[in-house]
Amino acid sequence: MDNLYFEFRQNNSGGSFEVDLEKGISHYVIIEAKNYIEANQKAFDIGLYFDGCESGNDCPCCGDRWYASDESDGSAIPSLYGESVYELKPSYFNEYISIHRINKP
């Protein structure tokens, strides 16, 4: 079975984005994994969280900053909104994209 790429889009809860380029956390985080369960665990391990409003980390009126992947997510290539990251036109909205490949920590 081939690995898939799972996209985690950051909601700017509270009016700001969290960016930590050393950890690989940016506006968009793409994680290569065998399945969505592994992708969610890797996301959690680098610092993403999926309970922001419940834990008080995120603004309840804006919503959670991150959402977990599910079994319908995942693509054969790193992509944002279904478009290959290698073919995206640069813009403010895709300025920061972190890709975590399976063979690298």
N, C-alpha and C. Protein backbone atom coordinates (compact mmCIF):
# COMPACT_ATOMS: atom_id res chain seq x y z
N MET A 1 0.84 -1.18 0.00
CA MET A 1 0.00 0.00 0.00
C MET A 1 0.89 1.25 0.00
N ASP A 2 0.58 2.19 -0.86
CA ASP A 2 1.34 3.43 -0.93
C ASP A 2 0.93 4.37 0.20
N ASN A 3 1.88 5.20 0.59
CA ASN A 3 1.59 6.21 1.60
C ASN A 3 0.72 7.30 0.99
N LEU A 4 0.02 8.01 1.85
CA LEU A 4 -0.83 9.12 1.43
C LEU A 4 -0.37 10.39 2.12
N TYR A 5 -0.81 11.52 1.60
CA TYR A 5 -0.51 12.82 2.20
C TYR A 5 -1.80 13.39 2.77
N PHE A 6 -1.73 13.80 4.03
CA PHE A 6 -2.89 14.32 4.74
C PHE A 6 -2.67 15.80 5.03
N GLU A 7 -3.65 16.59 4.69
CA GLU A 7 -3.58 18.05 4.79
C GLU A 7 -4.26 18.52 6.07
N PHE A 8 -3.54 19.32 6.84
CA PHE A 8 -4.09 19.94 8.04
C PHE A 8 -4.05 21.44 7.81
N ARG A 9 -5.22 22.06 7.71
CA ARG A 9 -5.32 23.51 7.47
C ARG A 9 -5.57 24.20 8.80
N GLN A 10 -4.84 25.26 9.03
CA GLN A 10 -4.97 25.98 10.29
C GLN A 10 -6.05 27.06 10.20
N ASN A 11 -7.00 26.99 11.10
CA ASN A 11 -8.00 28.05 11.27
C ASN A 11 -7.36 29.12 12.14
N ASN A 12 -7.46 30.38 11.75
CA ASN A 12 -6.83 31.43 12.55
C ASN A 12 -7.70 31.80 13.75
N SER A 13 -7.89 30.85 14.61
CA SER A 13 -8.70 31.02 15.80
C SER A 13 -8.15 32.16 16.65
N GLY A 14 -9.01 33.08 17.04
CA GLY A 14 -8.58 34.24 17.81
C GLY A 14 -7.92 35.31 16.97
N GLY A 15 -7.94 35.16 15.65
CA GLY A 15 -7.39 36.17 14.75
C GLY A 15 -5.92 36.06 14.46
N SER A 16 -5.30 34.92 14.78
CA SER A 16 -3.88 34.76 14.49
C SER A 16 -3.56 33.32 14.11
N PHE A 17 -2.44 33.17 13.44
CA PHE A 17 -1.94 31.84 13.09
C PHE A 17 -0.78 31.51 14.01
N GLU A 18 -0.61 30.23 14.30
CA GLU A 18 0.57 29.77 15.02
C GLU A 18 1.55 29.24 14.00
N VAL A 19 2.77 29.77 14.03
CA VAL A 19 3.82 29.32 13.12
C VAL A 19 5.06 29.02 13.93
N ASP A 20 5.58 27.81 13.79
CA ASP A 20 6.84 27.40 14.40
C ASP A 20 7.57 26.58 13.34
N LEU A 21 8.35 27.24 12.52
CA LEU A 21 8.98 26.59 11.38
C LEU A 21 9.99 25.53 11.81
N GLU A 22 10.57 25.66 12.99
CA GLU A 22 11.51 24.63 13.47
C GLU A 22 10.78 23.31 13.72
N LYS A 23 9.55 23.38 14.21
CA LYS A 23 8.75 22.17 14.43
C LYS A 23 8.00 21.75 13.17
N GLY A 24 7.98 22.63 12.18
CA GLY A 24 7.23 22.32 10.97
C GLY A 24 5.75 22.61 11.10
N ILE A 25 5.43 23.63 11.90
CA ILE A 25 4.04 24.05 12.06
C ILE A 25 3.87 25.37 11.34
N SER A 26 2.94 25.40 10.41
CA SER A 26 2.71 26.60 9.61
C SER A 26 1.22 26.69 9.29
N HIS A 27 0.86 27.59 8.39
CA HIS A 27 -0.55 27.73 8.02
C HIS A 27 -1.12 26.40 7.54
N TYR A 28 -0.32 25.69 6.77
CA TYR A 28 -0.73 24.38 6.26
C TYR A 28 0.33 23.37 6.63
N VAL A 29 -0.10 22.23 7.13
CA VAL A 29 0.80 21.14 7.47
C VAL A 29 0.34 19.92 6.70
N ILE A 30 1.26 19.32 5.96
CA ILE A 30 0.96 18.12 5.18
C ILE A 30 1.81 17.00 5.74
N ILE A 31 1.17 15.89 6.06
CA ILE A 31 1.87 14.77 6.67
C ILE A 31 1.69 13.52 5.82
N GLU A 32 2.82 12.93 5.46
CA GLU A 32 2.80 11.66 4.74
C GLU A 32 2.67 10.54 5.76
N ALA A 33 1.74 9.64 5.53
CA ALA A 33 1.49 8.55 6.48
C ALA A 33 0.83 7.37 5.76
N LYS A 34 0.77 6.26 6.46
CA LYS A 34 0.13 5.06 5.91
C LYS A 34 -1.39 5.19 5.91
N ASN A 35 -1.93 5.92 6.91
CA ASN A 35 -3.37 6.09 7.01
C ASN A 35 -3.67 7.32 7.88
N TYR A 36 -4.93 7.66 7.99
CA TYR A 36 -5.30 8.87 8.72
C TYR A 36 -5.00 8.78 10.20
N ILE A 37 -5.05 7.59 10.78
CA ILE A 37 -4.75 7.42 12.20
C ILE A 37 -3.29 7.78 12.47
N GLU A 38 -2.40 7.27 11.64
CA GLU A 38 -0.98 7.58 11.77
C GLU A 38 -0.72 9.07 11.51
N ALA A 39 -1.41 9.65 10.53
CA ALA A 39 -1.24 11.07 10.23
C ALA A 39 -1.67 11.93 11.42
N ASN A 40 -2.80 11.61 12.04
CA ASN A 40 -3.26 12.37 13.20
C ASN A 40 -2.27 12.25 14.36
N GLN A 41 -1.71 11.07 14.56
CA GLN A 41 -0.74 10.90 15.64
C GLN A 41 0.52 11.71 15.37
N LYS A 42 1.01 11.69 14.13
CA LYS A 42 2.20 12.48 13.78
C LYS A 42 1.92 13.97 13.94
N ALA A 43 0.72 14.39 13.56
CA ALA A 43 0.34 15.80 13.73
C ALA A 43 0.37 16.17 15.21
N PHE A 44 -0.20 15.33 16.03
CA PHE A 44 -0.20 15.56 17.47
C PHE A 44 1.23 15.61 18.01
N ASP A 45 2.08 14.71 17.53
CA ASP A 45 3.47 14.65 18.01
C ASP A 45 4.26 15.91 17.70
N ILE A 46 3.95 16.59 16.59
CA ILE A 46 4.69 17.82 16.27
C ILE A 46 4.08 19.05 16.93
N GLY A 47 2.88 18.91 17.51
CA GLY A 47 2.31 20.03 18.24
C GLY A 47 0.93 20.47 17.82
N LEU A 48 0.32 19.81 16.83
CA LEU A 48 -1.05 20.14 16.48
C LEU A 48 -1.98 19.52 17.53
N TYR A 49 -3.15 20.10 17.71
CA TYR A 49 -4.10 19.59 18.69
C TYR A 49 -5.50 19.72 18.08
N PHE A 50 -6.39 18.88 18.54
CA PHE A 50 -7.72 18.81 17.93
C PHE A 50 -8.84 19.11 18.91
N ASP A 51 -8.51 19.67 20.05
CA ASP A 51 -9.51 19.97 21.07
C ASP A 51 -9.37 21.41 21.57
N GLY A 52 -9.05 22.33 20.69
CA GLY A 52 -8.72 23.69 21.06
C GLY A 52 -9.79 24.44 21.82
N CYS A 53 -11.01 24.37 21.37
CA CYS A 53 -12.09 25.09 22.08
C CYS A 53 -12.39 24.41 23.41
N GLU A 54 -12.45 23.11 23.39
CA GLU A 54 -12.75 22.36 24.61
C GLU A 54 -11.69 22.57 25.69
N SER A 55 -10.42 22.65 25.27
CA SER A 55 -9.32 22.81 26.23
C SER A 55 -9.07 24.27 26.62
N GLY A 56 -9.71 25.20 25.91
CA GLY A 56 -9.53 26.61 26.20
C GLY A 56 -8.37 27.25 25.45
N ASN A 57 -7.72 26.50 24.56
CA ASN A 57 -6.62 27.05 23.77
C ASN A 57 -7.10 27.93 22.63
N ASP A 58 -8.30 27.68 22.13
CA ASP A 58 -8.82 28.41 20.97
C ASP A 58 -10.11 29.15 21.31
N CYS A 59 -10.39 30.13 20.49
CA CYS A 59 -11.57 30.97 20.65
C CYS A 59 -12.83 30.18 20.28
N PRO A 60 -13.79 30.04 21.20
CA PRO A 60 -14.99 29.26 20.89
C PRO A 60 -15.84 29.86 19.76
N CYS A 61 -15.78 31.18 19.57
CA CYS A 61 -16.58 31.76 18.48
C CYS A 61 -15.90 31.56 17.12
N CYS A 62 -14.59 31.40 17.11
CA CYS A 62 -13.85 31.17 15.86
C CYS A 62 -13.74 29.69 15.52
N GLY A 63 -13.74 28.86 16.53
CA GLY A 63 -13.63 27.42 16.31
C GLY A 63 -12.22 26.91 16.57
N ASP A 64 -12.10 25.60 16.52
CA ASP A 64 -10.82 24.95 16.74
C ASP A 64 -9.80 25.37 15.69
N ARG A 65 -8.55 25.44 16.10
CA ARG A 65 -7.46 25.79 15.18
C ARG A 65 -7.18 24.65 14.20
N TRP A 66 -7.20 23.42 14.67
CA TRP A 66 -6.88 22.25 13.85
C TRP A 66 -8.00 21.22 13.94
N TYR A 67 -8.18 20.47 12.88
CA TYR A 67 -9.16 19.38 12.85
C TYR A 67 -8.45 18.11 12.42
N ALA A 68 -8.79 17.03 13.05
CA ALA A 68 -8.19 15.73 12.73
C ALA A 68 -8.63 15.26 11.34
N SER A 69 -7.77 14.46 10.73
CA SER A 69 -8.11 13.83 9.45
C SER A 69 -9.02 12.64 9.71
N ASP A 70 -9.72 12.22 8.67
CA ASP A 70 -10.50 10.99 8.79
C ASP A 70 -10.21 10.11 7.58
N GLU A 71 -10.88 8.98 7.50
CA GLU A 71 -10.55 7.99 6.47
C GLU A 71 -10.81 8.47 5.05
N SER A 72 -11.60 9.52 4.87
CA SER A 72 -11.85 10.02 3.51
C SER A 72 -10.79 11.01 3.06
N ASP A 73 -9.91 11.43 3.97
CA ASP A 73 -8.84 12.35 3.62
C ASP A 73 -7.64 11.58 3.08
N GLY A 74 -6.70 12.30 2.55
CA GLY A 74 -5.48 11.67 2.03
C GLY A 74 -5.44 11.73 0.53
N SER A 75 -4.27 12.06 0.00
CA SER A 75 -4.10 12.12 -1.45
C SER A 75 -2.75 11.52 -1.81
N ALA A 76 -2.60 11.19 -3.07
CA ALA A 76 -1.38 10.54 -3.55
C ALA A 76 -0.19 11.49 -3.59
N ILE A 77 -0.46 12.80 -3.67
CA ILE A 77 0.60 13.80 -3.72
C ILE A 77 0.32 14.89 -2.70
N PRO A 78 1.35 15.60 -2.24
CA PRO A 78 1.08 16.72 -1.33
C PRO A 78 0.22 17.76 -2.04
N SER A 79 -0.90 18.11 -1.44
CA SER A 79 -1.80 19.06 -2.10
C SER A 79 -2.55 19.90 -1.09
N LEU A 80 -3.05 21.04 -1.57
CA LEU A 80 -3.92 21.92 -0.80
C LEU A 80 -5.21 22.09 -1.59
N TYR A 81 -6.31 21.82 -0.96
CA TYR A 81 -7.62 21.96 -1.61
C TYR A 81 -7.66 21.21 -2.95
N GLY A 82 -6.98 20.06 -3.00
CA GLY A 82 -7.00 19.23 -4.19
C GLY A 82 -6.02 19.61 -5.27
N GLU A 83 -5.21 20.64 -5.06
CA GLU A 83 -4.23 21.07 -6.06
C GLU A 83 -2.82 20.78 -5.56
N SER A 84 -1.99 20.21 -6.42
CA SER A 84 -0.62 19.89 -6.06
C SER A 84 0.10 21.12 -5.52
N VAL A 85 0.82 20.96 -4.41
CA VAL A 85 1.56 22.10 -3.85
C VAL A 85 2.66 22.55 -4.80
N TYR A 86 3.08 21.67 -5.69
CA TYR A 86 4.14 22.01 -6.64
C TYR A 86 3.63 22.86 -7.80
N GLU A 87 2.31 22.95 -7.94
CA GLU A 87 1.72 23.73 -9.02
C GLU A 87 0.99 24.97 -8.53
N LEU A 88 1.03 25.23 -7.23
CA LEU A 88 0.35 26.41 -6.67
C LEU A 88 1.06 27.69 -7.07
N LYS A 89 0.28 28.69 -7.36
CA LYS A 89 0.83 30.02 -7.58
C LYS A 89 1.08 30.63 -6.21
N PRO A 90 2.27 31.20 -5.97
CA PRO A 90 2.55 31.78 -4.66
C PRO A 90 1.56 32.89 -4.30
N SER A 91 1.13 32.88 -3.05
CA SER A 91 0.25 33.93 -2.54
C SER A 91 0.41 34.01 -1.03
N TYR A 92 -0.14 35.05 -0.46
CA TYR A 92 -0.11 35.21 0.99
C TYR A 92 -0.74 34.01 1.68
N PHE A 93 -1.78 33.44 1.08
CA PHE A 93 -2.53 32.37 1.71
C PHE A 93 -1.81 31.03 1.71
N ASN A 94 -0.83 30.86 0.85
CA ASN A 94 -0.08 29.60 0.86
C ASN A 94 1.42 29.84 1.08
N GLU A 95 1.72 30.94 1.74
CA GLU A 95 3.12 31.30 1.99
C GLU A 95 3.85 30.26 2.83
N TYR A 96 3.18 29.71 3.82
CA TYR A 96 3.80 28.74 4.71
C TYR A 96 3.13 27.38 4.57
N ILE A 97 3.87 26.44 4.01
CA ILE A 97 3.41 25.06 3.88
C ILE A 97 4.52 24.17 4.41
N SER A 98 4.20 23.35 5.40
CA SER A 98 5.19 22.41 5.96
C SER A 98 4.80 21.01 5.51
N ILE A 99 5.77 20.28 4.98
CA ILE A 99 5.52 18.90 4.55
C ILE A 99 6.40 17.99 5.40
N HIS A 100 5.75 17.04 6.06
CA HIS A 100 6.45 16.05 6.89
C HIS A 100 6.40 14.72 6.16
N ARG A 101 7.52 14.31 5.65
CA ARG A 101 7.59 13.05 4.91
C ARG A 101 7.80 11.89 5.87
N ILE A 102 7.37 10.72 5.46
CA ILE A 102 7.38 9.56 6.33
C ILE A 102 8.80 9.11 6.70
N ASN A 103 9.75 9.35 5.81
CA ASN A 103 11.11 8.88 6.07
C ASN A 103 11.97 9.90 6.80
N LYS A 104 11.37 10.98 7.27
CA LYS A 104 12.10 12.01 8.02
C LYS A 104 11.33 12.31 9.30
N PRO A 105 12.05 12.63 10.37
CA PRO A 105 11.36 12.92 11.65
C PRO A 105 10.53 14.19 11.57
